[in-house]
Each structure stands twice: as structure tokens, then as C-alpha cells.
Amino acid sequence: MIVLIKILKKLTSVLKERKVFAYSALYILLLWTFSSLLFHKVEGVSLFDSLYWVITTTTTVGYGDITPKTEIGKVLSIFVMISGIGVLGVMLASMAEIMIEKGLKRRPRVFMEDHVIALGWNGVIEVAVKELLKERIEVAVVADVESIPIEHENLVFINGDITDEEVLKRAGVEKAAFSIISGKTDNETLLSAIAVKKMNENIRIACVVSDPKVKRALEMLGVEQTISSNEFSGLFLCRFVFAPRISSVFSELMSTEGMDIFENKISGSMGKTFEEVMLEMKEKRDAIVLGVVREGKVMLNPEKSLRITEGDEIIYIAKNRITEL
């Protein structure tokens, strides 16, 4: 039953997008139905033979084993031949075009490594993908849409279900470094994250959801970042009261132009205090250190005396990523 519903939904989607195919197929169906009934009535042959006659006539096969004997039957034959052959050709051509396009869209396979997989397509994903492409990062987008309004040498688009493991394989999920997910529903986002994590345990995932229960489920799954659209918007509006220019700050930090925010390991600063690292980064790198990440926990503006240990990372603001710290 579920399979049948999916097939009907897919067929409905195709018909909506391919009006020429839909209209021509509807015309042929009506032509075959009414012509078969009329031929059966005026020529006195069985309904099956009438249907056989109208199909062979429309497809120009015309074996000649069943021919009209009455004037009405001959007029009907002329009408079927003149109107049916052309419309049937249009329908078959449209069907072939759809099959070719679907085949081409299934064919792409990503051979990238350490790339970003964007799953789903909406305004949030579109903005993220555009910003990543500005930084020359390779991105594979998987979405159940016909096309996306972006073309770039570092972008590969795969049309498909973001929860389907075969589709995710074509996107190179096993070799991807990051995945950003924003499905049509929270459940789709959760199922997609489960599939991605199953296929690549080391991938870093960020998801956009609205349901707090799904957010907790994603965190239990090991998803590194879960952004609640409702919660984030509410907090953002609240902070506006205390910092009216907060939108400008966020726009500057989130954009790939101007100042940006980064996270790096700091292997060269072992044993130093947070204050020493902060001063050194400002004096030598012209960067502002915001905090330290230790065992996955973010500590913003920690104590000045905090010692940097192995595995620590720092979050900082700078014009460009600093490769050596």
C-alpha cells in the first residue's frame, strides 16, 4: 500500500510538471475508450476486438484483419487516424524525454573527498551552499526537486530521496567530511541523519529542526550541531533588545566576506594560558579569540588562567582561516 501511494505521488508530480505529456495521454485514453465503444456498437465486433482495432489504427500498424464495413465506422477510422497518430507521437516523445532526463539525473556519482553534503533544499540550505561555494568548498546537494538555481564547478546536484542510502552513496557520503541537513519535515531530517551516520561514523553533521523532541533525538544520535529554527529566532529577537545592532554583527560573522568566525586546533600553544593565546593571536595574527572548545564543550571567554591542553580548539574571529597556530 505504501509503495502504491509513493508511485501515485510520483506520477502526480510528473503529470504536474509535464503538462504536454498529461494532456496527450488523457486525449489518447479518451480516444481509445470512446472509439472502442462506438466501433463495437456500429460494427458489431467484440469490445476486445474494438480496442485491438483502435490501438493498431492509432499506432499505424494496421494489420487489416479488422476493418470497418459501415460508413460511420469508416468515418471513425479517418478521425482516429488523423487525430490519434499525431497526439500519440507527442505523448511518446514526451515520455521518452522524461525517461532520458530521469536517467541523466540518476547517473551522476560524486567522487569528491572531504566535501560537504547538503541534504534537502530550501532557503536555509541555499544560503549555506552559496556561502560554501564562495570559499571554494566542494559541495554535493541531494534533494527531491527537479533542479536547483545554482551552477558552479564545485557543485554537484543529485535528484533523489535524502533518506535513501543508494542516493547518499552516489553523493559520496562515505568520504564526506561534513553534512548539513534540512528536510521537508523534522522526521525526514532525523531519518536522513540516521542514514548518514550509519554510513559514515566520522562525518560531522548539522541539522535544522523545529521540534525539541527531534532535536534531542539528533543529539543522542551524535549529531554535532542541532539548530532549532524557532528557538534560534526567539533568542535572536530577545538579544535585539540588549544589542540593537546584533543583526549586523551576525551578518558580518556569518558571511564569507569581511570578518569571519573559525575553529582550529592549537597544537603549538600547549601549556599556555588562555590570556597568553588571546594576546598572541591579536598581536601576531590580528585575530580575536572568543573561547575554547574542550571535549566538544564550548567555553566562551573562559578564565584568563585556563591552560591549553592537548586536543583543545579555539574559536576566533579573523579575515581568513589561520592554518598554523
C-alpha atoms as a PDB file:
ATOM      1  CA  MET A   1       0.000   0.000   0.000  1.00  0.00           C
ATOM      2  CA  ILE A   2       2.839   2.389   0.896  1.00  0.00           C
ATOM      3  CA  VAL A   3       4.617   1.565  -2.380  1.00  0.00           C
ATOM      4  CA  LEU A   4       1.420   2.272  -4.336  1.00  0.00           C
ATOM      5  CA  ILE A   5       0.980   5.637  -2.591  1.00  0.00           C
ATOM      6  CA  LYS A   6       4.585   6.603  -3.420  1.00  0.00           C
ATOM      7  CA  ILE A   7       4.058   5.624  -7.070  1.00  0.00           C
ATOM      8  CA  LEU A   8       0.859   7.681  -7.281  1.00  0.00           C
ATOM      9  CA  LYS A   9       2.575  10.693  -5.668  1.00  0.00           C
ATOM     10  CA  LYS A  10       5.470  10.426  -8.118  1.00  0.00           C
ATOM     11  CA  LEU A  11       3.070  10.074 -11.064  1.00  0.00           C
ATOM     12  CA  THR A  12       1.098  13.116  -9.890  1.00  0.00           C
ATOM     13  CA  SER A  13       4.320  15.120  -9.614  1.00  0.00           C
ATOM     14  CA  VAL A  14       5.389  14.121 -13.128  1.00  0.00           C
ATOM     15  CA  LEU A  15       1.981  14.978 -14.576  1.00  0.00           C
ATOM     16  CA  LYS A  16       2.021  18.408 -12.950  1.00  0.00           C
ATOM     17  CA  GLU A  17       5.444  19.186 -14.347  1.00  0.00           C
ATOM     18  CA  ARG A  18       4.790  17.631 -17.785  1.00  0.00           C
ATOM     19  CA  LYS A  19       1.501  19.091 -18.935  1.00  0.00           C
ATOM     20  CA  VAL A  20       2.083  18.143 -22.583  1.00  0.00           C
ATOM     21  CA  PHE A  21       2.502  14.504 -21.626  1.00  0.00           C
ATOM     22  CA  ALA A  22      -0.505  14.634 -19.287  1.00  0.00           C
ATOM     23  CA  TYR A  23      -2.839  16.226 -21.832  1.00  0.00           C
ATOM     24  CA  SER A  24      -1.754  13.979 -24.707  1.00  0.00           C
ATOM     25  CA  ALA A  25      -2.054  10.841 -22.566  1.00  0.00           C
ATOM     26  CA  LEU A  26      -5.521  11.898 -21.417  1.00  0.00           C
ATOM     27  CA  TYR A  27      -6.607  12.521 -25.014  1.00  0.00           C
ATOM     28  CA  ILE A  28      -5.325   9.116 -26.173  1.00  0.00           C
ATOM     29  CA  LEU A  29      -7.058   7.384 -23.266  1.00  0.00           C
ATOM     30  CA  LEU A  30     -10.374   9.080 -24.060  1.00  0.00           C
ATOM     31  CA  LEU A  31      -9.958   8.451 -27.792  1.00  0.00           C
ATOM     32  CA  TRP A  32      -9.310   4.743 -27.283  1.00  0.00           C
ATOM     33  CA  THR A  33     -12.194   4.408 -24.828  1.00  0.00           C
ATOM     34  CA  PHE A  34     -14.927   6.160 -26.824  1.00  0.00           C
ATOM     35  CA  SER A  35     -13.715   4.927 -30.232  1.00  0.00           C
ATOM     36  CA  SER A  36     -13.697   1.329 -28.970  1.00  0.00           C
ATOM     37  CA  LEU A  37     -17.249   1.663 -27.635  1.00  0.00           C
ATOM     38  CA  LEU A  38     -18.524   3.314 -30.825  1.00  0.00           C
ATOM     39  CA  PHE A  39     -16.778   0.838 -33.146  1.00  0.00           C
ATOM     40  CA  HIS A  40     -18.186  -2.030 -31.093  1.00  0.00           C
ATOM     41  CA  LYS A  41     -21.692  -0.609 -31.473  1.00  0.00           C
ATOM     42  CA  VAL A  42     -21.671   0.247 -35.191  1.00  0.00           C
ATOM     43  CA  GLU A  43     -19.540  -2.654 -36.476  1.00  0.00           C
ATOM     44  CA  GLY A  44     -20.857  -5.383 -34.180  1.00  0.00           C
ATOM     45  CA  VAL A  45     -17.449  -6.695 -33.080  1.00  0.00           C
ATOM     46  CA  SER A  46     -16.475  -7.533 -29.520  1.00  0.00           C
ATOM     47  CA  LEU A  47     -15.167  -4.847 -27.162  1.00  0.00           C
ATOM     48  CA  PHE A  48     -11.747  -6.510 -27.086  1.00  0.00           C
ATOM     49  CA  ASP A  49     -11.576  -6.574 -30.897  1.00  0.00           C
ATOM     50  CA  SER A  50     -12.699  -2.925 -30.971  1.00  0.00           C
ATOM     51  CA  LEU A  51      -9.911  -1.940 -28.580  1.00  0.00           C
ATOM     52  CA  TYR A  52      -7.453  -4.009 -30.643  1.00  0.00           C
ATOM     53  CA  TRP A  53      -8.617  -2.198 -33.811  1.00  0.00           C
ATOM     54  CA  VAL A  54      -8.293   1.326 -32.356  1.00  0.00           C
ATOM     55  CA  ILE A  55      -4.809   0.654 -30.957  1.00  0.00           C
ATOM     56  CA  THR A  56      -3.477  -0.833 -34.196  1.00  0.00           C
ATOM     57  CA  THR A  57      -5.007   2.041 -36.151  1.00  0.00           C
ATOM     58  CA  THR A  58      -3.584   4.727 -33.857  1.00  0.00           C
ATOM     59  CA  THR A  59      -0.108   3.174 -33.893  1.00  0.00           C
ATOM     60  CA  THR A  60      -0.234   2.852 -37.726  1.00  0.00           C
ATOM     61  CA  VAL A  61       0.308  -0.922 -37.539  1.00  0.00           C
ATOM     62  CA  GLY A  62      -2.996  -1.676 -39.291  1.00  0.00           C
ATOM     63  CA  TYR A  63      -2.888  -5.445 -39.842  1.00  0.00           C
ATOM     64  CA  GLY A  64      -6.129  -5.287 -41.807  1.00  0.00           C
ATOM     65  CA  ASP A  65      -7.717  -8.257 -40.057  1.00  0.00           C
ATOM     66  CA  ILE A  66     -10.435  -5.962 -38.639  1.00  0.00           C
ATOM     67  CA  THR A  67     -11.774  -3.281 -40.975  1.00  0.00           C
ATOM     68  CA  PRO A  68     -14.843  -1.033 -40.866  1.00  0.00           C
ATOM     69  CA  LYS A  69     -17.804  -2.090 -43.026  1.00  0.00           C
ATOM     70  CA  THR A  70     -20.227   0.751 -42.289  1.00  0.00           C
ATOM     71  CA  GLU A  71     -19.937   4.409 -43.289  1.00  0.00           C
ATOM     72  CA  ILE A  72     -19.917   5.507 -39.654  1.00  0.00           C
ATOM     73  CA  GLY A  73     -17.117   3.024 -38.978  1.00  0.00           C
ATOM     74  CA  LYS A  74     -15.077   4.383 -41.885  1.00  0.00           C
ATOM     75  CA  VAL A  75     -15.576   7.984 -40.753  1.00  0.00           C
ATOM     76  CA  LEU A  76     -14.499   6.924 -37.259  1.00  0.00           C
ATOM     77  CA  SER A  77     -11.399   5.273 -38.728  1.00  0.00           C
ATOM     78  CA  ILE A  78     -10.465   8.501 -40.520  1.00  0.00           C
ATOM     79  CA  PHE A  79     -10.906  10.506 -37.313  1.00  0.00           C
ATOM     80  CA  VAL A  80      -8.818   8.038 -35.267  1.00  0.00           C
ATOM     81  CA  MET A  81      -6.017   8.026 -37.841  1.00  0.00           C
ATOM     82  CA  ILE A  82      -5.856  11.799 -38.311  1.00  0.00           C
ATOM     83  CA  SER A  83      -6.160  12.837 -34.661  1.00  0.00           C
ATOM     84  CA  GLY A  84      -4.707   9.837 -32.863  1.00  0.00           C
ATOM     85  CA  ILE A  85      -1.420   9.303 -34.686  1.00  0.00           C
ATOM     86  CA  GLY A  86      -0.134  12.852 -34.082  1.00  0.00           C
ATOM     87  CA  VAL A  87      -1.185  13.026 -30.452  1.00  0.00           C
ATOM     88  CA  LEU A  88       0.231   9.553 -29.745  1.00  0.00           C
ATOM     89  CA  GLY A  89       3.552  10.704 -31.229  1.00  0.00           C
ATOM     90  CA  VAL A  90       3.588  13.730 -28.925  1.00  0.00           C
ATOM     91  CA  MET A  91       2.821  11.535 -25.905  1.00  0.00           C
ATOM     92  CA  LEU A  92       5.573   9.017 -26.723  1.00  0.00           C
ATOM     93  CA  ALA A  93       8.086  11.802 -27.374  1.00  0.00           C
ATOM     94  CA  SER A  94       7.237  13.411 -24.015  1.00  0.00           C
ATOM     95  CA  MET A  95       7.563  10.047 -22.265  1.00  0.00           C
ATOM     96  CA  ALA A  96      10.970   9.455 -23.846  1.00  0.00           C
ATOM     97  CA  GLU A  97      12.114  12.928 -22.773  1.00  0.00           C
ATOM     98  CA  ILE A  98      11.059  12.276 -19.184  1.00  0.00           C
ATOM     99  CA  MET A  99      12.859   8.919 -19.109  1.00  0.00           C
ATOM    100  CA  ILE A 100      16.030  10.399 -20.561  1.00  0.00           C
ATOM    101  CA  GLU A 101      16.055  13.260 -18.054  1.00  0.00           C
ATOM    102  CA  LYS A 102      15.402  10.909 -15.142  1.00  0.00           C
ATOM    103  CA  GLY A 103      18.205   8.643 -16.332  1.00  0.00           C
ATOM    104  CA  LEU A 104      20.632  11.547 -16.582  1.00  0.00           C
ATOM    105  CA  LYS A 105      19.760  12.708 -13.094  1.00  0.00           C
ATOM    106  CA  ARG A 106      20.342   9.261 -11.626  1.00  0.00           C
ATOM    107  CA  ARG A 107      23.674   8.890 -13.334  1.00  0.00           C
ATOM    108  CA  PRO A 108      25.868  11.432 -11.506  1.00  0.00           C
ATOM    109  CA  ARG A 109      28.122   9.992  -8.842  1.00  0.00           C
ATOM    110  CA  VAL A 110      30.304  12.134  -6.640  1.00  0.00           C
ATOM    111  CA  PHE A 111      33.999  11.301  -6.497  1.00  0.00           C
ATOM    112  CA  MET A 112      34.860  14.117  -4.098  1.00  0.00           C
ATOM    113  CA  GLU A 113      36.635  13.648  -0.775  1.00  0.00           C
ATOM    114  CA  ASP A 114      36.316  15.695   2.423  1.00  0.00           C
ATOM    115  CA  HIS A 115      33.443  17.572   0.809  1.00  0.00           C
ATOM    116  CA  VAL A 116      30.161  18.844   2.241  1.00  0.00           C
ATOM    117  CA  ILE A 117      26.870  17.055   1.576  1.00  0.00           C
ATOM    118  CA  ALA A 118      23.816  19.306   1.720  1.00  0.00           C
ATOM    119  CA  LEU A 119      20.639  17.256   2.150  1.00  0.00           C
ATOM    120  CA  GLY A 120      17.317  18.884   1.327  1.00  0.00           C
ATOM    121  CA  TRP A 121      16.607  22.125  -0.461  1.00  0.00           C
ATOM    122  CA  ASN A 122      15.080  25.289   0.988  1.00  0.00           C
ATOM    123  CA  GLY A 123      16.098  28.863   1.722  1.00  0.00           C
ATOM    124  CA  VAL A 124      18.392  27.850   4.589  1.00  0.00           C
ATOM    125  CA  ILE A 125      20.310  25.252   2.557  1.00  0.00           C
ATOM    126  CA  GLU A 126      20.528  27.560  -0.452  1.00  0.00           C
ATOM    127  CA  VAL A 127      22.183  30.332   1.567  1.00  0.00           C
ATOM    128  CA  ALA A 128      24.603  27.842   3.177  1.00  0.00           C
ATOM    129  CA  VAL A 129      25.567  26.299  -0.166  1.00  0.00           C
ATOM    130  CA  LYS A 130      26.203  29.689  -1.776  1.00  0.00           C
ATOM    131  CA  GLU A 131      28.462  30.727   1.119  1.00  0.00           C
ATOM    132  CA  LEU A 132      30.395  27.438   0.955  1.00  0.00           C
ATOM    133  CA  LEU A 133      30.914  27.808  -2.785  1.00  0.00           C
ATOM    134  CA  LYS A 134      32.310  31.306  -2.243  1.00  0.00           C
ATOM    135  CA  GLU A 135      35.013  29.656  -0.143  1.00  0.00           C
ATOM    136  CA  ARG A 136      35.739  27.187  -2.981  1.00  0.00           C
ATOM    137  CA  ILE A 137      34.488  24.253  -0.901  1.00  0.00           C
ATOM    138  CA  GLU A 138      33.177  21.259  -2.844  1.00  0.00           C
ATOM    139  CA  VAL A 139      29.504  20.592  -2.198  1.00  0.00           C
ATOM    140  CA  ALA A 140      27.157  17.765  -3.184  1.00  0.00           C
ATOM    141  CA  VAL A 141      23.476  18.671  -2.914  1.00  0.00           C
ATOM    142  CA  VAL A 142      20.878  15.909  -2.620  1.00  0.00           C
ATOM    143  CA  ALA A 143      17.226  16.916  -2.799  1.00  0.00           C
ATOM    144  CA  ASP A 144      13.923  15.608  -4.104  1.00  0.00           C
ATOM    145  CA  VAL A 145      13.475  18.516  -6.515  1.00  0.00           C
ATOM    146  CA  GLU A 146      13.826  18.717 -10.289  1.00  0.00           C
ATOM    147  CA  SER A 147      16.667  21.253 -10.192  1.00  0.00           C
ATOM    148  CA  ILE A 148      18.347  23.910  -8.069  1.00  0.00           C
ATOM    149  CA  PRO A 149      19.036  27.506  -9.165  1.00  0.00           C
ATOM    150  CA  ILE A 150      22.813  27.277  -8.741  1.00  0.00           C
ATOM    151  CA  GLU A 151      25.546  26.178 -11.132  1.00  0.00           C
ATOM    152  CA  HIS A 152      29.165  26.006 -10.022  1.00  0.00           C
ATOM    153  CA  GLU A 153      32.250  23.979 -10.852  1.00  0.00           C
ATOM    154  CA  ASN A 154      32.470  22.800  -7.223  1.00  0.00           C
ATOM    155  CA  LEU A 155      28.791  21.839  -7.025  1.00  0.00           C
ATOM    156  CA  VAL A 156      27.150  18.520  -7.886  1.00  0.00           C
ATOM    157  CA  PHE A 157      23.381  18.120  -7.710  1.00  0.00           C
ATOM    158  CA  ILE A 158      21.723  14.716  -7.299  1.00  0.00           C
ATOM    159  CA  ASN A 159      17.957  14.410  -7.535  1.00  0.00           C
ATOM    160  CA  GLY A 160      16.701  11.870  -5.008  1.00  0.00           C
ATOM    161  CA  ASP A 161      15.378  10.962  -1.574  1.00  0.00           C
ATOM    162  CA  ILE A 162      17.692  12.285   1.155  1.00  0.00           C
ATOM    163  CA  THR A 163      16.922   9.226   3.319  1.00  0.00           C
ATOM    164  CA  ASP A 164      17.811   6.698   0.592  1.00  0.00           C
ATOM    165  CA  GLU A 165      21.193   5.036   1.202  1.00  0.00           C
ATOM    166  CA  GLU A 166      21.772   4.400  -2.518  1.00  0.00           C
ATOM    167  CA  VAL A 167      21.297   8.086  -3.252  1.00  0.00           C
ATOM    168  CA  LEU A 168      23.615   9.016  -0.382  1.00  0.00           C
ATOM    169  CA  LYS A 169      26.257   6.645  -1.744  1.00  0.00           C
ATOM    170  CA  ARG A 170      26.140   8.453  -5.080  1.00  0.00           C
ATOM    171  CA  ALA A 171      26.733  11.686  -3.157  1.00  0.00           C
ATOM    172  CA  GLY A 172      29.918  10.181  -1.695  1.00  0.00           C
ATOM    173  CA  VAL A 173      28.727  10.136   1.896  1.00  0.00           C
ATOM    174  CA  GLU A 174      31.428   7.666   2.961  1.00  0.00           C
ATOM    175  CA  LYS A 175      34.178  10.158   2.048  1.00  0.00           C
ATOM    176  CA  ALA A 176      32.431  13.380   3.053  1.00  0.00           C
ATOM    177  CA  ALA A 177      33.685  15.480   5.964  1.00  0.00           C
ATOM    178  CA  PHE A 178      30.515  17.410   6.757  1.00  0.00           C
ATOM    179  CA  SER A 179      26.787  17.138   6.191  1.00  0.00           C
ATOM    180  CA  ILE A 180      24.178  19.862   6.597  1.00  0.00           C
ATOM    181  CA  ILE A 181      20.586  18.636   6.678  1.00  0.00           C
ATOM    182  CA  SER A 182      17.257  20.421   6.451  1.00  0.00           C
ATOM    183  CA  GLY A 183      14.498  18.115   5.261  1.00  0.00           C
ATOM    184  CA  LYS A 184      10.916  18.911   4.335  1.00  0.00           C
ATOM    185  CA  THR A 185       9.893  17.683   7.795  1.00  0.00           C
ATOM    186  CA  ASP A 186      11.719  17.088  11.074  1.00  0.00           C
ATOM    187  CA  ASN A 187      11.167  13.333  10.694  1.00  0.00           C
ATOM    188  CA  GLU A 188      12.798  13.376   7.263  1.00  0.00           C
ATOM    189  CA  THR A 189      15.757  15.264   8.733  1.00  0.00           C
ATOM    190  CA  LEU A 190      16.070  12.678  11.518  1.00  0.00           C
ATOM    191  CA  LEU A 191      15.883   9.697   9.138  1.00  0.00           C
ATOM    192  CA  SER A 192      18.443  11.317   6.864  1.00  0.00           C
ATOM    193  CA  ALA A 193      20.835  11.938   9.773  1.00  0.00           C
ATOM    194  CA  ILE A 194      20.480   8.311  10.877  1.00  0.00           C
ATOM    195  CA  ALA A 195      21.312   7.079   7.374  1.00  0.00           C
ATOM    196  CA  VAL A 196      24.325   9.410   7.067  1.00  0.00           C
ATOM    197  CA  LYS A 197      25.689   8.465  10.493  1.00  0.00           C
ATOM    198  CA  LYS A 198      25.232   4.776   9.718  1.00  0.00           C
ATOM    199  CA  MET A 199      27.278   5.095   6.532  1.00  0.00           C
ATOM    200  CA  ASN A 200      29.975   7.404   7.922  1.00  0.00           C
ATOM    201  CA  GLU A 201      30.551   7.449  11.683  1.00  0.00           C
ATOM    202  CA  ASN A 202      33.200  10.183  11.474  1.00  0.00           C
ATOM    203  CA  ILE A 203      31.186  12.704   9.498  1.00  0.00           C
ATOM    204  CA  ARG A 204      30.256  15.946  11.252  1.00  0.00           C
ATOM    205  CA  ILE A 205      26.556  16.750  10.950  1.00  0.00           C
ATOM    206  CA  ALA A 206      24.496  19.882  11.486  1.00  0.00           C
ATOM    207  CA  CYS A 207      20.692  19.772  11.275  1.00  0.00           C
ATOM    208  CA  VAL A 208      17.912  22.361  11.230  1.00  0.00           C
ATOM    209  CA  VAL A 209      14.733  21.256  13.036  1.00  0.00           C
ATOM    210  CA  SER A 210      11.813  22.816  14.895  1.00  0.00           C
ATOM    211  CA  ASP A 211      10.574  20.011  17.182  1.00  0.00           C
ATOM    212  CA  PRO A 212      12.509  19.872  20.520  1.00  0.00           C
ATOM    213  CA  LYS A 213      11.965  16.091  20.687  1.00  0.00           C
ATOM    214  CA  VAL A 214      13.615  15.587  17.309  1.00  0.00           C
ATOM    215  CA  LYS A 215      16.408  17.917  18.405  1.00  0.00           C
ATOM    216  CA  ARG A 216      17.077  15.725  21.448  1.00  0.00           C
ATOM    217  CA  ALA A 217      16.936  12.566  19.320  1.00  0.00           C
ATOM    218  CA  LEU A 218      19.535  14.025  16.946  1.00  0.00           C
ATOM    219  CA  GLU A 219      21.798  14.939  19.867  1.00  0.00           C
ATOM    220  CA  MET A 220      21.519  11.385  21.219  1.00  0.00           C
ATOM    221  CA  LEU A 221      22.420  10.109  17.753  1.00  0.00           C
ATOM    222  CA  GLY A 222      25.659  12.051  17.924  1.00  0.00           C
ATOM    223  CA  VAL A 223      24.766  14.897  15.610  1.00  0.00           C
ATOM    224  CA  GLU A 224      27.242  17.647  16.395  1.00  0.00           C
ATOM    225  CA  GLN A 225      25.006  20.665  15.814  1.00  0.00           C
ATOM    226  CA  THR A 226      21.215  20.795  16.017  1.00  0.00           C
ATOM    227  CA  ILE A 227      19.733  24.183  15.289  1.00  0.00           C
ATOM    228  CA  SER A 228      16.144  24.765  16.306  1.00  0.00           C
ATOM    229  CA  SER A 229      14.766  27.347  13.896  1.00  0.00           C
ATOM    230  CA  ASN A 230      12.087  28.505  16.341  1.00  0.00           C
ATOM    231  CA  GLU A 231      14.417  28.647  19.341  1.00  0.00           C
ATOM    232  CA  PHE A 232      17.176  30.433  17.434  1.00  0.00           C
ATOM    233  CA  SER A 233      14.774  33.040  16.054  1.00  0.00           C
ATOM    234  CA  GLY A 234      13.300  33.643  19.511  1.00  0.00           C
ATOM    235  CA  LEU A 235      16.693  34.078  21.142  1.00  0.00           C
ATOM    236  CA  PHE A 236      17.829  36.337  18.330  1.00  0.00           C
ATOM    237  CA  LEU A 237      14.812  38.611  18.779  1.00  0.00           C
ATOM    238  CA  CYS A 238      15.376  38.658  22.545  1.00  0.00           C
ATOM    239  CA  ARG A 239      19.023  39.715  22.219  1.00  0.00           C
ATOM    240  CA  PHE A 240      17.964  42.539  19.908  1.00  0.00           C
ATOM    241  CA  VAL A 241      16.560  44.313  22.985  1.00  0.00           C
ATOM    242  CA  PHE A 242      20.022  44.294  24.614  1.00  0.00           C
ATOM    243  CA  ALA A 243      22.071  44.731  21.424  1.00  0.00           C
ATOM    244  CA  PRO A 244      20.104  46.513  18.660  1.00  0.00           C
ATOM    245  CA  ARG A 245      22.962  46.041  16.161  1.00  0.00           C
ATOM    246  CA  ILE A 246      23.139  42.283  16.692  1.00  0.00           C
ATOM    247  CA  SER A 247      21.861  41.535  13.176  1.00  0.00           C
ATOM    248  CA  SER A 248      24.803  43.454  11.676  1.00  0.00           C
ATOM    249  CA  VAL A 249      27.226  41.529  13.879  1.00  0.00           C
ATOM    250  CA  PHE A 250      25.801  38.163  12.867  1.00  0.00           C
ATOM    251  CA  SER A 251      25.687  39.117   9.182  1.00  0.00           C
ATOM    252  CA  GLU A 252      29.348  40.106   9.293  1.00  0.00           C
ATOM    253  CA  LEU A 253      30.413  36.937  11.112  1.00  0.00           C
ATOM    254  CA  MET A 254      28.319  34.511   9.058  1.00  0.00           C
ATOM    255  CA  SER A 255      29.205  35.984   5.670  1.00  0.00           C
ATOM    256  CA  THR A 256      32.312  34.756   3.849  1.00  0.00           C
ATOM    257  CA  GLU A 257      33.197  38.367   3.050  1.00  0.00           C
ATOM    258  CA  GLY A 258      34.998  40.540   5.613  1.00  0.00           C
ATOM    259  CA  MET A 259      35.492  39.163   9.119  1.00  0.00           C
ATOM    260  CA  ASP A 260      34.566  35.540   9.731  1.00  0.00           C
ATOM    261  CA  ILE A 261      34.464  33.060  12.599  1.00  0.00           C
ATOM    262  CA  PHE A 262      36.676  29.953  12.646  1.00  0.00           C
ATOM    263  CA  GLU A 263      37.533  26.970  14.843  1.00  0.00           C
ATOM    264  CA  ASN A 264      41.049  25.487  14.866  1.00  0.00           C
ATOM    265  CA  LYS A 265      43.217  23.103  16.839  1.00  0.00           C
ATOM    266  CA  ILE A 266      46.097  24.849  18.648  1.00  0.00           C
ATOM    267  CA  SER A 267      48.854  22.282  18.853  1.00  0.00           C
ATOM    268  CA  GLY A 268      51.532  24.999  19.059  1.00  0.00           C
ATOM    269  CA  SER A 269      50.093  26.616  22.201  1.00  0.00           C
ATOM    270  CA  MET A 270      50.161  23.666  24.609  1.00  0.00           C
ATOM    271  CA  GLY A 271      50.557  24.738  28.225  1.00  0.00           C
ATOM    272  CA  LYS A 272      49.872  28.418  27.554  1.00  0.00           C
ATOM    273  CA  THR A 273      47.098  30.243  29.343  1.00  0.00           C
ATOM    274  CA  PHE A 274      44.011  31.500  27.552  1.00  0.00           C
ATOM    275  CA  GLU A 275      45.185  35.072  28.153  1.00  0.00           C
ATOM    276  CA  GLU A 276      48.564  34.358  26.516  1.00  0.00           C
ATOM    277  CA  VAL A 277      46.906  32.759  23.479  1.00  0.00           C
ATOM    278  CA  MET A 278      44.422  35.621  23.212  1.00  0.00           C
ATOM    279  CA  LEU A 279      47.141  38.295  23.268  1.00  0.00           C
ATOM    280  CA  GLU A 280      49.368  36.382  20.896  1.00  0.00           C
ATOM    281  CA  MET A 281      46.558  35.864  18.378  1.00  0.00           C
ATOM    282  CA  LYS A 282      45.695  39.564  18.414  1.00  0.00           C
ATOM    283  CA  GLU A 283      49.284  40.831  18.171  1.00  0.00           C
ATOM    284  CA  LYS A 284      50.647  38.327  15.619  1.00  0.00           C
ATOM    285  CA  ARG A 285      47.530  37.271  13.685  1.00  0.00           C
ATOM    286  CA  ASP A 286      45.185  40.220  14.141  1.00  0.00           C
ATOM    287  CA  ALA A 287      42.530  37.740  15.334  1.00  0.00           C
ATOM    288  CA  ILE A 288      40.118  37.911  18.265  1.00  0.00           C
ATOM    289  CA  VAL A 289      39.797  34.733  20.357  1.00  0.00           C
ATOM    290  CA  LEU A 290      36.278  34.102  21.642  1.00  0.00           C
ATOM    291  CA  GLY A 291      36.697  30.855  23.517  1.00  0.00           C
ATOM    292  CA  VAL A 292      37.994  27.312  23.806  1.00  0.00           C
ATOM    293  CA  VAL A 293      36.439  24.013  22.727  1.00  0.00           C
ATOM    294  CA  ARG A 294      37.363  21.122  25.030  1.00  0.00           C
ATOM    295  CA  GLU A 295      35.928  17.622  24.594  1.00  0.00           C
ATOM    296  CA  GLY A 296      33.111  19.011  22.493  1.00  0.00           C
ATOM    297  CA  LYS A 297      32.117  21.644  25.060  1.00  0.00           C
ATOM    298  CA  VAL A 298      32.339  25.311  24.117  1.00  0.00           C
ATOM    299  CA  MET A 299      33.721  27.688  26.763  1.00  0.00           C
ATOM    300  CA  LEU A 300      33.246  31.298  25.682  1.00  0.00           C
ATOM    301  CA  ASN A 301      35.518  33.862  27.342  1.00  0.00           C
ATOM    302  CA  PRO A 302      36.900  31.400  29.933  1.00  0.00           C
ATOM    303  CA  GLU A 303      39.135  32.334  32.866  1.00  0.00           C
ATOM    304  CA  LYS A 304      42.371  34.023  31.783  1.00  0.00           C
ATOM    305  CA  SER A 305      44.357  31.402  33.698  1.00  0.00           C
ATOM    306  CA  LEU A 306      42.818  28.434  31.814  1.00  0.00           C
ATOM    307  CA  ARG A 307      45.649  26.249  30.482  1.00  0.00           C
ATOM    308  CA  ILE A 308      45.510  24.937  26.921  1.00  0.00           C
ATOM    309  CA  THR A 309      45.707  21.129  26.853  1.00  0.00           C
ATOM    310  CA  GLU A 310      46.070  18.521  24.118  1.00  0.00           C
ATOM    311  CA  GLY A 311      43.052  18.326  21.816  1.00  0.00           C
ATOM    312  CA  ASP A 312      41.779  21.812  22.633  1.00  0.00           C
ATOM    313  CA  GLU A 313      40.490  24.047  19.861  1.00  0.00           C
ATOM    314  CA  ILE A 314      39.932  27.782  19.820  1.00  0.00           C
ATOM    315  CA  ILE A 315      37.114  29.795  18.307  1.00  0.00           C
ATOM    316  CA  TYR A 316      38.286  33.086  16.853  1.00  0.00           C
ATOM    317  CA  ILE A 317      37.320  35.942  14.552  1.00  0.00           C
ATOM    318  CA  ALA A 318      39.605  36.790  11.641  1.00  0.00           C
ATOM    319  CA  LYS A 319      39.579  37.775   7.984  1.00  0.00           C
ATOM    320  CA  ASN A 320      40.968  34.391   6.930  1.00  0.00           C
ATOM    321  CA  ARG A 321      41.474  30.971   8.479  1.00  0.00           C
ATOM    322  CA  ILE A 322      44.837  30.637  10.218  1.00  0.00           C
ATOM    323  CA  THR A 323      46.441  27.378   9.116  1.00  0.00           C
ATOM    324  CA  GLU A 324      49.185  27.173  11.738  1.00  0.00           C
ATOM    325  CA  LEU A 325      48.602  28.032  15.399  1.00  0.00           C
END
